[in-house]
């Protein structure tokens, strides 16, 4: 069930995954800024931000049952996969956990059908 209505029932699992992914990406972003090799993480940091924003937009679109929400989820899945690949290149626990969460979100977004 959604927060106020049942209108998001079919997409609630994906909404939850997107919210968790956005939070994980922002946390990983902040943690990466504090790593000693931050200069080697520029692409990853950029992708983390893109992924978080895509997930937030997906959540918003699904919450209002927007006409473009399913197409947006498909694009979000691609960005989540890209973010997981970037995070996989680093050994820190925050990167590995973020990658895992991005992969789960990607699966949920792929499962959203028109």
N, C-alpha and C. Protein backbone atom coordinates (compact mmCIF):
# COMPACT_ATOMS: atom_id res chain seq x y z
N UNK A 1 0.84 -1.19 0.00
CA UNK A 1 0.00 0.00 0.00
C UNK A 1 0.87 1.24 0.00
N UNK A 2 0.41 2.24 -0.71
CA UNK A 2 1.10 3.52 -0.70
C UNK A 2 0.94 4.20 0.66
N UNK A 3 1.45 5.36 0.77
CA UNK A 3 1.36 6.11 2.01
C UNK A 3 -0.07 6.60 2.25
N UNK A 4 -0.73 7.06 1.19
CA UNK A 4 -2.08 7.62 1.32
C UNK A 4 -3.16 6.80 0.65
N UNK A 5 -2.83 6.14 -0.43
CA UNK A 5 -3.83 5.42 -1.21
C UNK A 5 -3.27 4.07 -1.66
N UNK A 6 -4.10 3.32 -2.35
CA UNK A 6 -3.66 2.05 -2.94
C UNK A 6 -3.20 2.21 -4.38
N UNK A 7 -3.12 3.42 -4.88
CA UNK A 7 -2.82 3.66 -6.29
C UNK A 7 -1.41 3.20 -6.70
N UNK A 8 -0.52 3.07 -5.74
CA UNK A 8 0.85 2.66 -6.08
C UNK A 8 1.11 1.19 -5.76
N UNK A 9 0.07 0.46 -5.46
CA UNK A 9 0.22 -0.93 -5.04
C UNK A 9 1.08 -1.74 -6.00
N UNK A 10 0.85 -1.62 -7.30
CA UNK A 10 1.59 -2.43 -8.28
C UNK A 10 3.05 -2.00 -8.41
N UNK A 11 3.38 -0.81 -7.99
CA UNK A 11 4.75 -0.34 -8.13
C UNK A 11 5.46 -0.09 -6.80
N UNK A 12 4.84 -0.43 -5.69
CA UNK A 12 5.40 -0.10 -4.38
C UNK A 12 6.76 -0.73 -4.14
N UNK A 13 6.96 -1.96 -4.58
CA UNK A 13 8.26 -2.63 -4.39
C UNK A 13 9.35 -1.87 -5.13
N UNK A 14 9.04 -1.41 -6.33
CA UNK A 14 10.01 -0.64 -7.11
C UNK A 14 10.24 0.73 -6.48
N UNK A 15 9.19 1.35 -6.01
CA UNK A 15 9.33 2.65 -5.33
C UNK A 15 10.28 2.50 -4.13
N UNK A 16 10.07 1.48 -3.34
CA UNK A 16 10.92 1.24 -2.17
C UNK A 16 12.37 1.00 -2.58
N UNK A 17 12.57 0.21 -3.64
CA UNK A 17 13.92 -0.08 -4.12
C UNK A 17 14.60 1.19 -4.63
N UNK A 18 13.85 2.02 -5.34
CA UNK A 18 14.40 3.28 -5.85
C UNK A 18 14.77 4.23 -4.72
N UNK A 19 13.92 4.31 -3.70
CA UNK A 19 14.23 5.16 -2.55
C UNK A 19 15.49 4.69 -1.83
N UNK A 20 15.61 3.38 -1.64
CA UNK A 20 16.79 2.83 -0.98
C UNK A 20 18.04 3.06 -1.83
N UNK A 21 17.91 2.89 -3.13
CA UNK A 21 19.04 3.08 -4.02
C UNK A 21 19.50 4.53 -4.03
N UNK A 22 18.57 5.46 -4.09
CA UNK A 22 18.94 6.88 -4.06
C UNK A 22 19.70 7.21 -2.78
N UNK A 23 19.20 6.73 -1.66
CA UNK A 23 19.88 6.99 -0.38
C UNK A 23 21.27 6.37 -0.37
N UNK A 24 21.38 5.13 -0.83
CA UNK A 24 22.68 4.45 -0.86
C UNK A 24 23.67 5.21 -1.75
N UNK A 25 23.19 5.67 -2.90
CA UNK A 25 24.08 6.39 -3.82
C UNK A 25 24.57 7.70 -3.21
N UNK A 26 23.68 8.43 -2.55
CA UNK A 26 24.11 9.68 -1.91
C UNK A 26 25.09 9.40 -0.77
N UNK A 27 24.85 8.35 0.00
CA UNK A 27 25.78 8.00 1.09
C UNK A 27 27.13 7.56 0.53
N UNK A 28 27.10 6.77 -0.53
CA UNK A 28 28.35 6.32 -1.15
C UNK A 28 29.09 7.50 -1.76
N UNK A 29 28.36 8.40 -2.38
CA UNK A 29 28.92 9.62 -2.93
C UNK A 29 29.72 10.37 -1.86
N UNK A 30 29.10 10.58 -0.71
CA UNK A 30 29.76 11.29 0.39
C UNK A 30 30.98 10.53 0.90
N UNK A 31 30.85 9.22 1.04
CA UNK A 31 31.97 8.41 1.52
C UNK A 31 33.12 8.43 0.52
N UNK A 32 32.82 8.39 -0.77
CA UNK A 32 33.86 8.41 -1.80
C UNK A 32 34.63 9.73 -1.79
N UNK A 33 33.94 10.81 -1.48
CA UNK A 33 34.62 12.11 -1.40
C UNK A 33 35.67 12.13 -0.31
N UNK A 34 35.53 11.27 0.68
CA UNK A 34 36.47 11.21 1.79
C UNK A 34 37.57 10.17 1.62
N UNK A 35 37.56 9.45 0.50
CA UNK A 35 38.60 8.45 0.25
C UNK A 35 39.87 9.14 -0.26
N UNK A 36 41.02 8.54 0.04
CA UNK A 36 42.30 9.14 -0.35
C UNK A 36 42.50 9.17 -1.86
N UNK A 37 41.86 8.28 -2.59
CA UNK A 37 42.01 8.23 -4.04
C UNK A 37 40.81 8.83 -4.77
N UNK A 38 40.27 9.90 -4.21
CA UNK A 38 39.07 10.52 -4.76
C UNK A 38 39.24 10.87 -6.24
N UNK A 39 40.45 11.21 -6.64
CA UNK A 39 40.69 11.57 -8.04
C UNK A 39 40.45 10.41 -8.99
N UNK A 40 40.54 9.18 -8.50
CA UNK A 40 40.29 7.99 -9.33
C UNK A 40 38.81 7.62 -9.33
N UNK A 41 38.01 8.33 -8.56
CA UNK A 41 36.59 8.01 -8.40
C UNK A 41 35.67 9.02 -9.08
N UNK A 42 36.20 9.90 -9.86
CA UNK A 42 35.40 10.97 -10.45
C UNK A 42 34.23 10.42 -11.27
N UNK A 43 34.49 9.43 -12.12
CA UNK A 43 33.42 8.85 -12.94
C UNK A 43 32.39 8.16 -12.05
N UNK A 44 32.85 7.45 -11.04
CA UNK A 44 31.95 6.77 -10.12
C UNK A 44 31.09 7.78 -9.35
N UNK A 45 31.70 8.83 -8.87
CA UNK A 45 30.98 9.85 -8.11
C UNK A 45 29.91 10.50 -8.99
N UNK A 46 30.26 10.78 -10.22
CA UNK A 46 29.30 11.36 -11.16
C UNK A 46 28.14 10.40 -11.41
N UNK A 47 28.46 9.12 -11.59
CA UNK A 47 27.42 8.12 -11.84
C UNK A 47 26.54 7.92 -10.62
N UNK A 48 27.11 7.99 -9.43
CA UNK A 48 26.32 7.89 -8.21
C UNK A 48 25.25 8.98 -8.15
N UNK A 49 25.64 10.18 -8.50
CA UNK A 49 24.70 11.30 -8.50
C UNK A 49 23.61 11.10 -9.54
N UNK A 50 24.00 10.69 -10.73
CA UNK A 50 23.03 10.44 -11.80
C UNK A 50 22.04 9.35 -11.39
N UNK A 51 22.55 8.29 -10.81
CA UNK A 51 21.72 7.17 -10.38
C UNK A 51 20.73 7.61 -9.30
N UNK A 52 21.21 8.34 -8.32
CA UNK A 52 20.34 8.81 -7.24
C UNK A 52 19.22 9.69 -7.79
N UNK A 53 19.56 10.57 -8.71
CA UNK A 53 18.55 11.47 -9.28
C UNK A 53 17.55 10.69 -10.13
N UNK A 54 18.02 9.71 -10.89
CA UNK A 54 17.11 8.88 -11.70
C UNK A 54 16.15 8.12 -10.79
N UNK A 55 16.67 7.59 -9.71
CA UNK A 55 15.83 6.83 -8.78
C UNK A 55 14.79 7.73 -8.13
N UNK A 56 15.19 8.93 -7.75
CA UNK A 56 14.24 9.86 -7.16
C UNK A 56 13.15 10.23 -8.14
N UNK A 57 13.52 10.46 -9.39
CA UNK A 57 12.52 10.80 -10.41
C UNK A 57 11.61 9.61 -10.68
N UNK A 58 12.15 8.41 -10.70
CA UNK A 58 11.33 7.22 -10.89
C UNK A 58 10.30 7.10 -9.77
N UNK A 59 10.74 7.31 -8.55
CA UNK A 59 9.83 7.27 -7.41
C UNK A 59 8.70 8.30 -7.57
N UNK A 60 9.06 9.50 -7.95
CA UNK A 60 8.06 10.55 -8.12
C UNK A 60 7.05 10.17 -9.21
N UNK A 61 7.55 9.69 -10.34
CA UNK A 61 6.67 9.34 -11.45
C UNK A 61 5.75 8.17 -11.10
N UNK A 62 6.30 7.15 -10.46
CA UNK A 62 5.48 6.01 -10.06
C UNK A 62 4.45 6.43 -9.02
N UNK A 63 4.82 7.31 -8.11
CA UNK A 63 3.90 7.74 -7.05
C UNK A 63 2.69 8.47 -7.59
N UNK A 64 2.86 9.14 -8.72
CA UNK A 64 1.73 9.86 -9.31
C UNK A 64 1.14 9.12 -10.52
N UNK A 65 1.56 7.86 -10.69
CA UNK A 65 1.08 7.06 -11.82
C UNK A 65 1.22 7.80 -13.15
N UNK A 66 2.36 8.44 -13.33
CA UNK A 66 2.62 9.21 -14.56
C UNK A 66 2.67 8.28 -15.77
N UNK A 67 2.26 8.81 -16.91
CA UNK A 67 2.24 8.02 -18.14
C UNK A 67 3.63 7.52 -18.53
N UNK A 68 4.66 8.27 -18.21
CA UNK A 68 6.02 7.90 -18.61
C UNK A 68 6.77 7.10 -17.56
N UNK A 69 6.11 6.73 -16.47
CA UNK A 69 6.84 6.09 -15.37
C UNK A 69 7.48 4.76 -15.77
N UNK A 70 6.82 3.96 -16.57
CA UNK A 70 7.38 2.66 -16.93
C UNK A 70 8.60 2.82 -17.84
N UNK A 71 8.53 3.77 -18.78
CA UNK A 71 9.68 4.03 -19.64
C UNK A 71 10.84 4.58 -18.82
N UNK A 72 10.52 5.42 -17.88
CA UNK A 72 11.56 6.00 -17.02
C UNK A 72 12.22 4.91 -16.19
N UNK A 73 11.43 3.96 -15.72
CA UNK A 73 11.98 2.85 -14.93
C UNK A 73 12.95 2.01 -15.76
N UNK A 74 12.66 1.85 -17.03
CA UNK A 74 13.57 1.08 -17.88
C UNK A 74 14.91 1.80 -18.01
N UNK A 75 14.88 3.11 -18.18
CA UNK A 75 16.11 3.90 -18.23
C UNK A 75 16.81 3.90 -16.88
N UNK A 76 16.05 3.96 -15.82
CA UNK A 76 16.61 3.92 -14.47
C UNK A 76 17.37 2.61 -14.25
N UNK A 77 16.82 1.52 -14.77
CA UNK A 77 17.48 0.22 -14.65
C UNK A 77 18.86 0.25 -15.30
N UNK A 78 18.95 0.87 -16.46
CA UNK A 78 20.23 0.96 -17.17
C UNK A 78 21.24 1.76 -16.35
N UNK A 79 20.80 2.89 -15.79
CA UNK A 79 21.68 3.74 -14.99
C UNK A 79 22.10 3.01 -13.71
N UNK A 80 21.18 2.28 -13.09
CA UNK A 80 21.52 1.51 -11.88
C UNK A 80 22.58 0.45 -12.20
N UNK A 81 22.45 -0.21 -13.34
CA UNK A 81 23.46 -1.20 -13.74
C UNK A 81 24.82 -0.54 -13.94
N UNK A 82 24.82 0.62 -14.57
CA UNK A 82 26.06 1.36 -14.80
C UNK A 82 26.69 1.77 -13.46
N UNK A 83 25.88 2.21 -12.54
CA UNK A 83 26.36 2.63 -11.23
C UNK A 83 26.95 1.43 -10.47
N UNK A 84 26.27 0.30 -10.54
CA UNK A 84 26.77 -0.91 -9.88
C UNK A 84 28.15 -1.29 -10.44
N UNK A 85 28.31 -1.18 -11.74
CA UNK A 85 29.61 -1.50 -12.37
C UNK A 85 30.70 -0.56 -11.88
N UNK A 86 30.38 0.71 -11.78
CA UNK A 86 31.36 1.69 -11.29
C UNK A 86 31.75 1.39 -9.85
N UNK A 87 30.75 1.13 -9.02
CA UNK A 87 31.03 0.86 -7.60
C UNK A 87 31.82 -0.44 -7.43
N UNK A 88 31.56 -1.41 -8.29
CA UNK A 88 32.27 -2.69 -8.21
C UNK A 88 33.78 -2.54 -8.40
N UNK A 89 34.21 -1.43 -8.95
CA UNK A 89 35.64 -1.23 -9.19
C UNK A 89 36.40 -0.86 -7.91
N UNK A 90 35.68 -0.59 -6.84
CA UNK A 90 36.32 -0.19 -5.60
C UNK A 90 36.00 -1.18 -4.50
N UNK A 91 36.97 -1.42 -3.63
CA UNK A 91 36.87 -2.51 -2.64
C UNK A 91 36.19 -2.10 -1.34
N UNK A 92 36.04 -0.81 -1.10
CA UNK A 92 35.46 -0.37 0.17
C UNK A 92 34.04 -0.92 0.35
N UNK A 93 33.71 -1.17 1.61
CA UNK A 93 32.40 -1.75 1.93
C UNK A 93 31.25 -0.87 1.43
N UNK A 94 31.39 0.44 1.55
CA UNK A 94 30.30 1.31 1.10
C UNK A 94 30.08 1.17 -0.40
N UNK A 95 31.14 0.99 -1.15
CA UNK A 95 31.00 0.82 -2.61
C UNK A 95 30.38 -0.53 -2.95
N UNK A 96 30.81 -1.57 -2.27
CA UNK A 96 30.28 -2.90 -2.54
C UNK A 96 28.80 -3.00 -2.16
N UNK A 97 28.43 -2.41 -1.04
CA UNK A 97 27.03 -2.43 -0.61
C UNK A 97 26.16 -1.59 -1.56
N UNK A 98 26.68 -0.47 -1.99
CA UNK A 98 25.95 0.38 -2.93
C UNK A 98 25.73 -0.38 -4.24
N UNK A 99 26.74 -1.07 -4.71
CA UNK A 99 26.61 -1.86 -5.93
C UNK A 99 25.51 -2.90 -5.79
N UNK A 100 25.47 -3.55 -4.67
CA UNK A 100 24.44 -4.57 -4.41
C UNK A 100 23.04 -3.95 -4.44
N UNK A 101 22.89 -2.81 -3.82
CA UNK A 101 21.59 -2.13 -3.78
C UNK A 101 21.19 -1.65 -5.18
N UNK A 102 22.15 -1.14 -5.94
CA UNK A 102 21.87 -0.69 -7.31
C UNK A 102 21.42 -1.86 -8.18
N UNK A 103 22.05 -3.01 -8.01
CA UNK A 103 21.66 -4.20 -8.78
C UNK A 103 20.23 -4.63 -8.45
N UNK A 104 19.88 -4.59 -7.17
CA UNK A 104 18.51 -4.94 -6.77
C UNK A 104 17.51 -3.95 -7.35
N UNK A 105 17.84 -2.69 -7.33
CA UNK A 105 16.95 -1.66 -7.87
C UNK A 105 16.79 -1.86 -9.38
N UNK A 106 17.87 -2.16 -10.05
CA UNK A 106 17.81 -2.40 -11.49
C UNK A 106 16.84 -3.52 -11.82
N UNK A 107 16.89 -4.58 -11.05
CA UNK A 107 15.98 -5.71 -11.28
C UNK A 107 14.53 -5.27 -11.08
N UNK A 108 14.28 -4.53 -10.01
CA UNK A 108 12.91 -4.06 -9.75
C UNK A 108 12.42 -3.15 -10.87
N UNK A 109 13.29 -2.26 -11.34
CA UNK A 109 12.91 -1.36 -12.41
C UNK A 109 12.66 -2.12 -13.72
N UNK A 110 13.48 -3.13 -14.00
CA UNK A 110 13.27 -3.95 -15.20
C UNK A 110 11.94 -4.68 -15.14
N UNK A 111 11.53 -5.06 -13.95
CA UNK A 111 10.28 -5.80 -13.78
C UNK A 111 9.03 -4.94 -13.95
N UNK A 112 9.20 -3.62 -13.97
CA UNK A 112 8.06 -2.73 -14.18
C UNK A 112 7.67 -2.81 -15.65
N UNK A 113 6.46 -3.20 -15.90
CA UNK A 113 5.96 -3.37 -17.27
C UNK A 113 4.89 -2.34 -17.58
N UNK A 114 4.75 -2.06 -18.82
CA UNK A 114 3.77 -1.09 -19.30
C UNK A 114 2.36 -1.57 -18.98
